[in-house]
Protein backbone atom coordinates (compact mmCIF):
# COMPACT_ATOMS: atom_id res chain seq x y z
CA MET A 1 108.56 121.76 101.39
CA THR A 2 106.61 120.14 104.36
CA LEU A 3 102.91 121.10 106.16
CA THR A 4 102.42 123.35 108.83
CA ASN A 5 99.78 123.41 110.75
CA LYS A 6 98.68 126.20 109.84
CA ASP A 7 98.53 124.78 106.58
CA LYS A 8 96.92 121.67 108.51
CA ARG A 9 94.00 123.25 109.67
CA ALA A 10 93.55 125.08 106.90
CA LEU A 11 93.14 121.70 104.52
CA GLN A 12 90.85 120.61 107.84
CA ILE A 13 88.16 123.38 108.07
CA GLY A 14 88.48 123.19 103.64
CA LEU A 15 90.15 127.33 103.45
CA SER A 16 92.11 127.43 100.12
CA ILE A 17 95.99 127.20 100.17
CA GLN A 18 97.95 129.83 98.34
CA LEU A 19 101.22 129.44 97.69
CA LYS A 20 103.68 132.96 96.56
CA ASP A 21 106.28 132.54 94.92
CA THR A 22 107.09 129.31 94.44
CA SER A 23 108.01 126.51 92.08
CA LEU A 24 106.85 124.06 89.82
CA GLU A 25 108.85 121.28 92.04
CA GLU A 26 108.56 123.43 95.12
CA TYR A 27 104.33 122.75 94.43
CA LYS A 28 104.69 119.35 93.04
CA SER A 29 105.90 118.74 96.87
CA PHE A 30 103.68 120.37 98.68
CA THR A 31 100.44 119.10 96.89
CA LYS A 32 101.86 115.60 98.08
CA GLU A 33 102.59 116.05 101.37
CA ALA A 34 98.90 117.45 101.78
CA ASP A 35 97.43 114.63 100.07
CA LYS A 36 99.79 112.40 102.26
CA TYR A 37 98.81 114.52 105.05
CA LEU A 38 94.74 113.66 104.25
CA GLN A 39 95.47 110.53 103.95
CA LYS A 40 96.11 110.04 107.26
CA ILE A 41 93.23 112.21 108.10
CA PHE A 42 90.90 109.21 106.35
CA LEU A 43 93.39 106.56 107.99
CA ASP A 44 92.75 108.11 111.37
CA TRP A 45 89.23 108.70 110.42
CA PHE A 46 89.06 105.10 109.83
CA ASN A 47 90.46 103.33 112.58
CA ASN A 48 88.71 105.56 115.51
CA PHE A 49 86.10 106.81 114.40
CA LEU A 50 84.20 105.52 111.80
CA THR A 51 81.39 108.12 113.48
CA TYR A 52 81.98 112.06 111.58
CA GLU A 53 80.32 113.22 114.84
CA LYS A 54 83.23 111.57 117.04
CA PHE A 55 85.44 112.93 114.21
CA ALA A 56 84.26 116.36 113.59
CA GLU A 57 84.58 117.01 117.68
CA HIS A 58 88.00 116.20 117.42
CA TYR A 59 89.17 118.11 115.01
CA GLU A 60 86.47 121.54 115.83
CA ILE A 61 84.80 120.79 112.56
CA SER A 62 81.51 120.98 111.79
CA ILE A 63 80.10 117.54 111.00
CA GLU A 64 79.12 118.96 107.57
CA ARG A 65 82.40 119.82 107.26
CA ALA A 66 83.06 116.41 108.10
CA GLU A 67 81.42 114.47 106.21
CA LYS A 68 83.15 116.71 103.07
CA LEU A 69 87.09 116.09 104.27
CA ILE A 70 86.43 112.87 105.08
CA GLU A 71 84.46 112.19 101.03
CA GLU A 72 88.33 114.16 99.79
CA ALA A 73 90.74 111.86 102.04
CA ARG A 74 88.44 108.61 101.11
CA THR A 75 89.64 110.04 97.53
CA ILE A 76 93.43 111.05 97.81
CA HIS A 77 94.04 107.39 99.36
CA GLU A 78 92.56 105.05 97.63
CA ARG A 79 94.72 107.03 94.35
CA LEU A 80 97.18 107.11 96.71
CA VAL A 81 96.43 103.36 97.28
CA LYS A 82 95.70 102.59 93.21
CA GLU A 83 99.97 104.22 92.61
CA THR A 84 101.07 102.63 95.38
CA ILE A 85 100.13 98.72 93.30
CA THR A 86 99.95 99.71 90.16
CA THR A 87 103.86 100.97 90.60
CA LYS A 88 105.35 98.03 92.14
CA LEU A 89 102.77 95.55 89.88
CA SER A 90 103.82 97.37 86.66
CA LYS A 91 108.32 96.49 88.25
CA GLU A 92 106.96 93.17 88.56
CA LEU A 93 104.93 92.02 86.04
CA GLU A 94 106.46 94.37 83.47
CA ALA A 95 103.31 95.81 82.65
CA SER A 96 102.04 99.12 82.03
CA LYS A 97 101.54 101.49 84.65
CA LYS A 98 99.22 103.24 82.18
CA PHE A 99 97.30 99.22 81.50
CA LEU A 100 96.81 98.35 85.05
CA ASP A 101 95.33 101.98 86.03
CA GLU A 102 92.77 100.73 84.01
CA LYS A 103 92.78 97.88 85.32
CA ILE A 104 92.62 98.34 89.30
CA ILE A 105 89.30 99.62 89.98
CA PHE A 106 87.73 100.23 93.59
CA ILE A 107 84.70 99.31 94.94
CA GLN A 108 83.12 100.72 97.87
CA GLY A 109 80.04 99.77 99.32
């Protein structure tokens, strides 16, 4: 299941997206795609803007919404990076992924 431009815009402005008549697999696929898109949003802000004002102007959203969107997207980005790291390490070290999840943390400045 892929995100449409309408779905992406809904995520940007903070609207709920209803998935009607979808299976659990389709739901999981959609949320995975939504998380990847929000991660891209965070990385776009981090690499190209670093100010809420310019970001908000570019995406045509309020500054308050930009702050909330970046906060949500940062949380998703950190979770996805942590999942990637722990999955790779658990394979390389033959350690429990759950054990590694508990040991890896992000320190925010």
